[in-house]
PDB file of N, CA and C in Angstrom:
ATOM      1  N   MET A   1     -15.298 -18.630  -4.838  1.00  0.00           N
ATOM      2  CA  MET A   1     -15.874 -17.304  -5.027  1.00  0.00           C
ATOM      3  C   MET A   1     -14.752 -16.302  -5.260  1.00  0.00           C
ATOM      4  N   GLY A   2     -14.861 -15.526  -6.311  1.00  0.00           N
ATOM      5  CA  GLY A   2     -13.835 -14.547  -6.644  1.00  0.00           C
ATOM      6  C   GLY A   2     -14.024 -13.253  -5.866  1.00  0.00           C
ATOM      7  N   VAL A   3     -12.939 -12.546  -5.706  1.00  0.00           N
ATOM      8  CA  VAL A   3     -12.959 -11.261  -5.011  1.00  0.00           C
ATOM      9  C   VAL A   3     -13.161 -10.161  -6.046  1.00  0.00           C
ATOM     10  N   ASN A   4     -14.041  -9.213  -5.743  1.00  0.00           N
ATOM     11  CA  ASN A   4     -14.226  -8.065  -6.619  1.00  0.00           C
ATOM     12  C   ASN A   4     -13.008  -7.159  -6.438  1.00  0.00           C
ATOM     13  N   MET A   5     -12.207  -7.015  -7.487  1.00  0.00           N
ATOM     14  CA  MET A   5     -10.944  -6.278  -7.383  1.00  0.00           C
ATOM     15  C   MET A   5     -11.166  -4.809  -7.053  1.00  0.00           C
ATOM     16  N   GLU A   6     -12.200  -4.188  -7.584  1.00  0.00           N
ATOM     17  CA  GLU A   6     -12.454  -2.771  -7.283  1.00  0.00           C
ATOM     18  C   GLU A   6     -12.775  -2.579  -5.810  1.00  0.00           C
ATOM     19  N   GLU A   7     -13.591  -3.467  -5.245  1.00  0.00           N
ATOM     20  CA  GLU A   7     -13.918  -3.383  -3.816  1.00  0.00           C
ATOM     21  C   GLU A   7     -12.668  -3.613  -2.975  1.00  0.00           C
ATOM     22  N   LEU A   8     -11.854  -4.572  -3.386  1.00  0.00           N
ATOM     23  CA  LEU A   8     -10.629  -4.871  -2.649  1.00  0.00           C
ATOM     24  C   LEU A   8      -9.667  -3.681  -2.694  1.00  0.00           C
ATOM     25  N   LYS A   9      -9.550  -3.051  -3.851  1.00  0.00           N
ATOM     26  CA  LYS A   9      -8.681  -1.869  -3.971  1.00  0.00           C
ATOM     27  C   LYS A   9      -9.174  -0.751  -3.060  1.00  0.00           C
ATOM     28  N   GLU A  10     -10.499  -0.570  -2.976  1.00  0.00           N
ATOM     29  CA  GLU A  10     -11.056   0.448  -2.092  1.00  0.00           C
ATOM     30  C   GLU A  10     -10.724   0.146  -0.635  1.00  0.00           C
ATOM     31  N   LYS A  11     -10.826  -1.131  -0.251  1.00  0.00           N
ATOM     32  CA  LYS A  11     -10.517  -1.520   1.130  1.00  0.00           C
ATOM     33  C   LYS A  11      -9.033  -1.293   1.437  1.00  0.00           C
ATOM     34  N   VAL A  12      -8.160  -1.674   0.502  1.00  0.00           N
ATOM     35  CA  VAL A  12      -6.720  -1.509   0.706  1.00  0.00           C
ATOM     36  C   VAL A  12      -6.376  -0.024   0.822  1.00  0.00           C
ATOM     37  N   LEU A  13      -6.928   0.786  -0.072  1.00  0.00           N
ATOM     38  CA  LEU A  13      -6.641   2.223  -0.046  1.00  0.00           C
ATOM     39  C   LEU A  13      -7.169   2.871   1.231  1.00  0.00           C
ATOM     40  N   ALA A  14      -8.370   2.502   1.656  1.00  0.00           N
ATOM     41  CA  ALA A  14      -8.941   3.057   2.881  1.00  0.00           C
ATOM     42  C   ALA A  14      -8.089   2.652   4.095  1.00  0.00           C
ATOM     43  N   PHE A  15      -7.673   1.398   4.131  1.00  0.00           N
ATOM     44  CA  PHE A  15      -6.831   0.915   5.228  1.00  0.00           C
ATOM     45  C   PHE A  15      -5.504   1.658   5.251  1.00  0.00           C
ATOM     46  N   ALA A  16      -4.872   1.790   4.077  1.00  0.00           N
ATOM     47  CA  ALA A  16      -3.567   2.455   3.995  1.00  0.00           C
ATOM     48  C   ALA A  16      -3.668   3.929   4.382  1.00  0.00           C
ATOM     49  N   THR A  17      -4.726   4.586   3.964  1.00  0.00           N
ATOM     50  CA  THR A  17      -4.912   6.000   4.286  1.00  0.00           C
ATOM     51  C   THR A  17      -5.123   6.183   5.782  1.00  0.00           C
ATOM     52  N   LYS A  18      -5.928   5.316   6.379  1.00  0.00           N
ATOM     53  CA  LYS A  18      -6.166   5.396   7.826  1.00  0.00           C
ATOM     54  C   LYS A  18      -4.866   5.121   8.587  1.00  0.00           C
ATOM     55  N   LYS A  19      -4.116   4.136   8.155  1.00  0.00           N
ATOM     56  CA  LYS A  19      -2.870   3.752   8.806  1.00  0.00           C
ATOM     57  C   LYS A  19      -1.794   4.827   8.614  1.00  0.00           C
ATOM     58  N   ALA A  20      -1.853   5.565   7.499  1.00  0.00           N
ATOM     59  CA  ALA A  20      -0.827   6.568   7.173  1.00  0.00           C
ATOM     60  C   ALA A  20      -0.769   7.698   8.205  1.00  0.00           C
ATOM     61  N   ALA A  21      -1.848   7.906   8.924  1.00  0.00           N
ATOM     62  CA  ALA A  21      -1.833   8.939   9.962  1.00  0.00           C
ATOM     63  C   ALA A  21      -0.828   8.600  11.057  1.00  0.00           C
ATOM     64  N   HIS A  22      -0.552   7.309  11.247  1.00  0.00           N
ATOM     65  CA  HIS A  22       0.377   6.859  12.279  1.00  0.00           C
ATOM     66  C   HIS A  22       1.670   6.291  11.708  1.00  0.00           C
ATOM     67  N   LYS A  23       1.582   5.739  10.536  1.00  0.00           N
ATOM     68  CA  LYS A  23       2.718   5.031   9.941  1.00  0.00           C
ATOM     69  C   LYS A  23       2.696   5.301   8.437  1.00  0.00           C
ATOM     70  N   SER A  24       3.622   6.118   7.946  1.00  0.00           N
ATOM     71  CA  SER A  24       3.539   6.544   6.549  1.00  0.00           C
ATOM     72  C   SER A  24       3.918   5.466   5.540  1.00  0.00           C
ATOM     73  N   LYS A  25       4.728   4.494   5.941  1.00  0.00           N
ATOM     74  CA  LYS A  25       5.127   3.414   5.036  1.00  0.00           C
ATOM     75  C   LYS A  25       4.732   2.075   5.650  1.00  0.00           C
ATOM     76  N   MET A  26       4.218   1.181   4.814  1.00  0.00           N
ATOM     77  CA  MET A  26       3.740  -0.115   5.294  1.00  0.00           C
ATOM     78  C   MET A  26       4.304  -1.246   4.466  1.00  0.00           C
ATOM     79  N   TYR A  27       4.563  -2.357   5.131  1.00  0.00           N
ATOM     80  CA  TYR A  27       4.934  -3.575   4.427  1.00  0.00           C
ATOM     81  C   TYR A  27       3.674  -4.178   3.815  1.00  0.00           C
ATOM     82  N   ILE A  28       3.849  -5.031   2.821  1.00  0.00           N
ATOM     83  CA  ILE A  28       2.693  -5.682   2.216  1.00  0.00           C
ATOM     84  C   ILE A  28       1.932  -6.498   3.253  1.00  0.00           C
ATOM     85  N   LYS A  29       2.652  -7.086   4.206  1.00  0.00           N
ATOM     86  CA  LYS A  29       1.970  -7.884   5.229  1.00  0.00           C
ATOM     87  C   LYS A  29       1.040  -7.019   6.087  1.00  0.00           C
ATOM     88  N   ASP A  30       1.344  -5.730   6.224  1.00  0.00           N
ATOM     89  CA  ASP A  30       0.435  -4.827   6.941  1.00  0.00           C
ATOM     90  C   ASP A  30      -0.871  -4.653   6.171  1.00  0.00           C
ATOM     91  N   LEU A  31      -0.767  -4.616   4.852  1.00  0.00           N
ATOM     92  CA  LEU A  31      -1.951  -4.415   4.020  1.00  0.00           C
ATOM     93  C   LEU A  31      -2.845  -5.646   3.993  1.00  0.00           C
ATOM     94  N   TYR A  32      -2.316  -6.810   4.349  1.00  0.00           N
ATOM     95  CA  TYR A  32      -3.135  -8.024   4.390  1.00  0.00           C
ATOM     96  C   TYR A  32      -4.308  -7.863   5.353  1.00  0.00           C
ATOM     97  N   LYS A  33      -4.173  -6.999   6.339  1.00  0.00           N
ATOM     98  CA  LYS A  33      -5.218  -6.787   7.332  1.00  0.00           C
ATOM     99  C   LYS A  33      -6.401  -5.996   6.764  1.00  0.00           C
ATOM    100  N   ALA A  34      -6.250  -5.417   5.588  1.00  0.00           N
ATOM    101  CA  ALA A  34      -7.324  -4.639   4.975  1.00  0.00           C
ATOM    102  C   ALA A  34      -8.549  -5.498   4.702  1.00  0.00           C
ATOM    103  N   ASP A  35      -8.332  -6.755   4.344  1.00  0.00           N
ATOM    104  CA  ASP A  35      -9.434  -7.689   4.084  1.00  0.00           C
ATOM    105  C   ASP A  35      -8.968  -9.102   4.420  1.00  0.00           C
ATOM    106  N   PRO A  36      -9.289  -9.564   5.606  1.00  0.00           N
ATOM    107  CA  PRO A  36      -8.832 -10.892   6.027  1.00  0.00           C
ATOM    108  C   PRO A  36      -9.353 -12.041   5.140  1.00  0.00           C
ATOM    109  N   ASP A  37     -10.434 -11.794   4.399  1.00  0.00           N
ATOM    110  CA  ASP A  37     -10.992 -12.843   3.537  1.00  0.00           C
ATOM    111  C   ASP A  37     -10.255 -12.971   2.204  1.00  0.00           C
ATOM    112  N   ALA A  38      -9.492 -11.960   1.844  1.00  0.00           N
ATOM    113  CA  ALA A  38      -8.750 -11.992   0.575  1.00  0.00           C
ATOM    114  C   ALA A  38      -7.404 -12.673   0.788  1.00  0.00           C
ATOM    115  N   SER A  39      -6.916 -13.317  -0.250  1.00  0.00           N
ATOM    116  CA  SER A  39      -5.611 -13.986  -0.148  1.00  0.00           C
ATOM    117  C   SER A  39      -4.492 -12.952  -0.245  1.00  0.00           C
ATOM    118  N   PRO A  40      -3.321 -13.279   0.276  1.00  0.00           N
ATOM    119  CA  PRO A  40      -2.180 -12.362   0.156  1.00  0.00           C
ATOM    120  C   PRO A  40      -1.887 -11.996  -1.305  1.00  0.00           C
ATOM    121  N   ARG A  41      -2.034 -12.940  -2.203  1.00  0.00           N
ATOM    122  CA  ARG A  41      -1.795 -12.668  -3.628  1.00  0.00           C
ATOM    123  C   ARG A  41      -2.781 -11.619  -4.158  1.00  0.00           C
ATOM    124  N   GLN A  42      -4.048 -11.714  -3.759  1.00  0.00           N
ATOM    125  CA  GLN A  42      -5.053 -10.743  -4.199  1.00  0.00           C
ATOM    126  C   GLN A  42      -4.765  -9.352  -3.630  1.00  0.00           C
ATOM    127  N   ILE A  43      -4.346  -9.290  -2.373  1.00  0.00           N
ATOM    128  CA  ILE A  43      -4.014  -8.005  -1.741  1.00  0.00           C
ATOM    129  C   ILE A  43      -2.827  -7.370  -2.474  1.00  0.00           C
ATOM    130  N   LYS A  44      -1.811  -8.170  -2.768  1.00  0.00           N
ATOM    131  CA  LYS A  44      -0.636  -7.639  -3.454  1.00  0.00           C
ATOM    132  C   LYS A  44      -1.001  -7.135  -4.852  1.00  0.00           C
ATOM    133  N   LYS A  45      -1.855  -7.878  -5.544  1.00  0.00           N
ATOM    134  CA  LYS A  45      -2.291  -7.448  -6.876  1.00  0.00           C
ATOM    135  C   LYS A  45      -3.054  -6.130  -6.784  1.00  0.00           C
ATOM    136  N   ALA A  46      -3.941  -6.002  -5.792  1.00  0.00           N
ATOM    137  CA  ALA A  46      -4.695  -4.760  -5.606  1.00  0.00           C
ATOM    138  C   ALA A  46      -3.753  -3.599  -5.289  1.00  0.00           C
ATOM    139  N   ALA A  47      -2.778  -3.836  -4.410  1.00  0.00           N
ATOM    140  CA  ALA A  47      -1.823  -2.789  -4.039  1.00  0.00           C
ATOM    141  C   ALA A  47      -1.007  -2.352  -5.253  1.00  0.00           C
ATOM    142  N   ASN A  48      -0.572  -3.302  -6.069  1.00  0.00           N
ATOM    143  CA  ASN A  48       0.207  -2.963  -7.264  1.00  0.00           C
ATOM    144  C   ASN A  48      -0.620  -2.191  -8.280  1.00  0.00           C
ATOM    145  N   GLU A  49      -1.898  -2.523  -8.401  1.00  0.00           N
ATOM    146  CA  GLU A  49      -2.769  -1.747  -9.298  1.00  0.00           C
ATOM    147  C   GLU A  49      -2.946  -0.329  -8.780  1.00  0.00           C
ATOM    148  N   LEU A  50      -3.041  -0.178  -7.452  1.00  0.00           N
ATOM    149  CA  LEU A  50      -3.162   1.162  -6.869  1.00  0.00           C
ATOM    150  C   LEU A  50      -1.890   1.976  -7.101  1.00  0.00           C
ATOM    151  N   VAL A  51      -0.749   1.324  -7.123  1.00  0.00           N
ATOM    152  CA  VAL A  51       0.506   2.015  -7.441  1.00  0.00           C
ATOM    153  C   VAL A  51       0.462   2.498  -8.897  1.00  0.00           C
ATOM    154  N   LYS A  52       0.001   1.650  -9.793  1.00  0.00           N
ATOM    155  CA  LYS A  52      -0.105   2.038 -11.208  1.00  0.00           C
ATOM    156  C   LYS A  52      -1.041   3.226 -11.387  1.00  0.00           C
ATOM    157  N   GLU A  53      -2.100   3.279 -10.554  1.00  0.00           N
ATOM    158  CA  GLU A  53      -3.065   4.387 -10.601  1.00  0.00           C
ATOM    159  C   GLU A  53      -2.578   5.603  -9.817  1.00  0.00           C
ATOM    160  N   GLN A  54      -1.390   5.503  -9.212  1.00  0.00           N
ATOM    161  CA  GLN A  54      -0.769   6.554  -8.416  1.00  0.00           C
ATOM    162  C   GLN A  54      -1.565   6.927  -7.173  1.00  0.00           C
ATOM    163  N   LYS A  55      -2.314   5.958  -6.645  1.00  0.00           N
ATOM    164  CA  LYS A  55      -3.036   6.170  -5.398  1.00  0.00           C
ATOM    165  C   LYS A  55      -2.209   5.672  -4.218  1.00  0.00           C
ATOM    166  N   LEU A  56      -1.268   4.767  -4.497  1.00  0.00           N
ATOM    167  CA  LEU A  56      -0.259   4.334  -3.541  1.00  0.00           C
ATOM    168  C   LEU A  56       1.087   4.515  -4.226  1.00  0.00           C
ATOM    169  N   GLU A  57       2.154   4.490  -3.437  1.00  0.00           N
ATOM    170  CA  GLU A  57       3.487   4.596  -4.018  1.00  0.00           C
ATOM    171  C   GLU A  57       4.408   3.572  -3.373  1.00  0.00           C
ATOM    172  N   TYR A  58       5.400   3.157  -4.147  1.00  0.00           N
ATOM    173  CA  TYR A  58       6.422   2.252  -3.635  1.00  0.00           C
ATOM    174  C   TYR A  58       7.473   3.052  -2.882  1.00  0.00           C
ATOM    175  N   PHE A  59       8.076   2.440  -1.902  1.00  0.00           N
ATOM    176  CA  PHE A  59       9.232   2.990  -1.229  1.00  0.00           C
ATOM    177  C   PHE A  59      10.180   1.822  -1.015  1.00  0.00           C
ATOM    178  N   SER A  60      11.366   1.902  -1.582  1.00  0.00           N
ATOM    179  CA  SER A  60      12.316   0.808  -1.459  1.00  0.00           C
ATOM    180  C   SER A  60      13.535   1.276  -0.694  1.00  0.00           C
ATOM    181  N   SER A  61      13.920   0.479   0.300  1.00  0.00           N
ATOM    182  CA  SER A  61      15.127   0.781   1.064  1.00  0.00           C
ATOM    183  C   SER A  61      16.327   0.052   0.470  1.00  0.00           C
ATOM    184  N   GLY A  62      16.092  -0.705  -0.563  1.00  0.00           N
ATOM    185  CA  GLY A  62      17.135  -1.489  -1.185  1.00  0.00           C
ATOM    186  C   GLY A  62      16.987  -2.963  -0.854  1.00  0.00           C
ATOM    187  N   SER A  63      16.539  -3.256   0.348  1.00  0.00           N
ATOM    188  CA  SER A  63      16.372  -4.658   0.735  1.00  0.00           C
ATOM    189  C   SER A  63      14.903  -5.061   0.808  1.00  0.00           C
ATOM    190  N   THR A  64      14.026  -4.081   0.894  1.00  0.00           N
ATOM    191  CA  THR A  64      12.601  -4.398   0.990  1.00  0.00           C
ATOM    192  C   THR A  64      11.785  -3.294   0.332  1.00  0.00           C
ATOM    193  N   VAL A  65      10.591  -3.650  -0.095  1.00  0.00           N
ATOM    194  CA  VAL A  65       9.686  -2.685  -0.713  1.00  0.00           C
ATOM    195  C   VAL A  65       8.548  -2.430   0.260  1.00  0.00           C
ATOM    196  N   MET A  66       8.236  -1.162   0.420  1.00  0.00           N
ATOM    197  CA  MET A  66       7.114  -0.780   1.276  1.00  0.00           C
ATOM    198  C   MET A  66       6.141   0.029   0.428  1.00  0.00           C
ATOM    199  N   TYR A  67       4.945   0.187   0.938  1.00  0.00           N
ATOM    200  CA  TYR A  67       3.917   0.959   0.256  1.00  0.00           C
ATOM    201  C   TYR A  67       3.583   2.167   1.111  1.00  0.00           C
ATOM    202  N   GLY A  68       3.224   3.264   0.460  1.00  0.00           N
ATOM    203  CA  GLY A  68       2.823   4.469   1.173  1.00  0.00           C
ATOM    204  C   GLY A  68       1.751   5.197   0.403  1.00  0.00           C
ATOM    205  N   VAL A  69       1.073   6.092   1.097  1.00  0.00           N
ATOM    206  CA  VAL A  69       0.073   6.945   0.478  1.00  0.00           C
ATOM    207  C   VAL A  69       0.762   8.244   0.102  1.00  0.00           C
ATOM    208  N   PRO A  70       0.696   8.647  -1.183  1.00  0.00           N
ATOM    209  CA  PRO A  70       1.359   9.892  -1.576  1.00  0.00           C
ATOM    210  C   PRO A  70       0.902  11.067  -0.706  1.00  0.00           C
ATOM    211  N   GLY A  71       1.871  11.870  -0.269  1.00  0.00           N
ATOM    212  CA  GLY A  71       1.566  13.021   0.566  1.00  0.00           C
ATOM    213  C   GLY A  71       1.731  12.785   2.052  1.00  0.00           C
ATOM    214  N   PHE A  72       1.918  11.532   2.453  1.00  0.00           N
ATOM    215  CA  PHE A  72       2.123  11.214   3.867  1.00  0.00           C
ATOM    216  C   PHE A  72       3.583  10.815   4.051  1.00  0.00           C
ATOM    217  N   GLY A  73       4.239  11.398   5.034  1.00  0.00           N
ATOM    218  CA  GLY A  73       5.627  11.050   5.304  1.00  0.00           C
ATOM    219  C   GLY A  73       6.550  11.562   4.218  1.00  0.00           C
ATOM    220  N   LYS A  74       7.776  11.098   4.232  1.00  0.00           N
ATOM    221  CA  LYS A  74       8.774  11.491   3.244  1.00  0.00           C
ATOM    222  C   LYS A  74       8.625  10.641   1.994  1.00  0.00           C
ATOM    223  N   GLY A  75       8.766  11.279   0.848  1.00  0.00           N
ATOM    224  CA  GLY A  75       8.775  10.551  -0.404  1.00  0.00           C
ATOM    225  C   GLY A  75      10.139   9.946  -0.629  1.00  0.00           C
ATOM    226  N   ILE A  76      10.297   9.174  -1.643  1.00  0.00           N
ATOM    227  CA  ILE A  76      11.562   8.502  -1.938  1.00  0.00           C
ATOM    228  C   ILE A  76      12.681   9.520  -2.174  1.00  0.00           C
ATOM    229  N   GLU A  77      12.353  10.631  -2.831  1.00  0.00           N
ATOM    230  CA  GLU A  77      13.389  11.644  -3.104  1.00  0.00           C
ATOM    231  C   GLU A  77      13.855  12.297  -1.822  1.00  0.00           C
ATOM    232  N   GLU A  78      12.922  12.627  -0.926  1.00  0.00           N
ATOM    233  CA  GLU A  78      13.262  13.310   0.321  1.00  0.00           C
ATOM    234  C   GLU A  78      14.043  12.402   1.273  1.00  0.00           C
ATOM    235  N   ALA A  79      13.756  11.129   1.244  1.00  0.00           N
ATOM    236  CA  ALA A  79      14.357  10.195   2.188  1.00  0.00           C
ATOM    237  C   ALA A  79      15.874  10.071   1.974  1.00  0.00           C
ATOM    238  N   PHE A  80      16.329  10.320   0.754  1.00  0.00           N
ATOM    239  CA  PHE A  80      17.756  10.141   0.463  1.00  0.00           C
ATOM    240  C   PHE A  80      18.486  11.449   0.213  1.00  0.00           C
ATOM    241  N   GLU A  81      17.842  12.596   0.513  1.00  0.00           N
ATOM    242  CA  GLU A  81      18.536  13.867   0.384  1.00  0.00           C
ATOM    243  C   GLU A  81      19.542  14.027   1.503  1.00  0.00           C
ATOM    244  N   GLU A  82      20.630  14.713   1.200  1.00  0.00           N
ATOM    245  CA  GLU A  82      21.662  14.927   2.219  1.00  0.00           C
ATOM    246  C   GLU A  82      21.501  16.266   2.857  1.00  0.00           C
TER     247      GLU A  82
END
């Protein structure tokens, strides 16, 4: 049975937005909890599509990539200002 990508994206975005109140940046493994029935590959694909739609954003520390909801926490530009 295939996963409806639009429904999965809604679940990932809702989970990330709820989580952003406490934690502005999340690892992909945190987003796996958005839908336990979906595979990690499907969650990652949904998260990447949300980034393309600018509903989520990437944050890279150089060694790892995290996801965040725009407007929560520091953006990539602010994080590296002196």
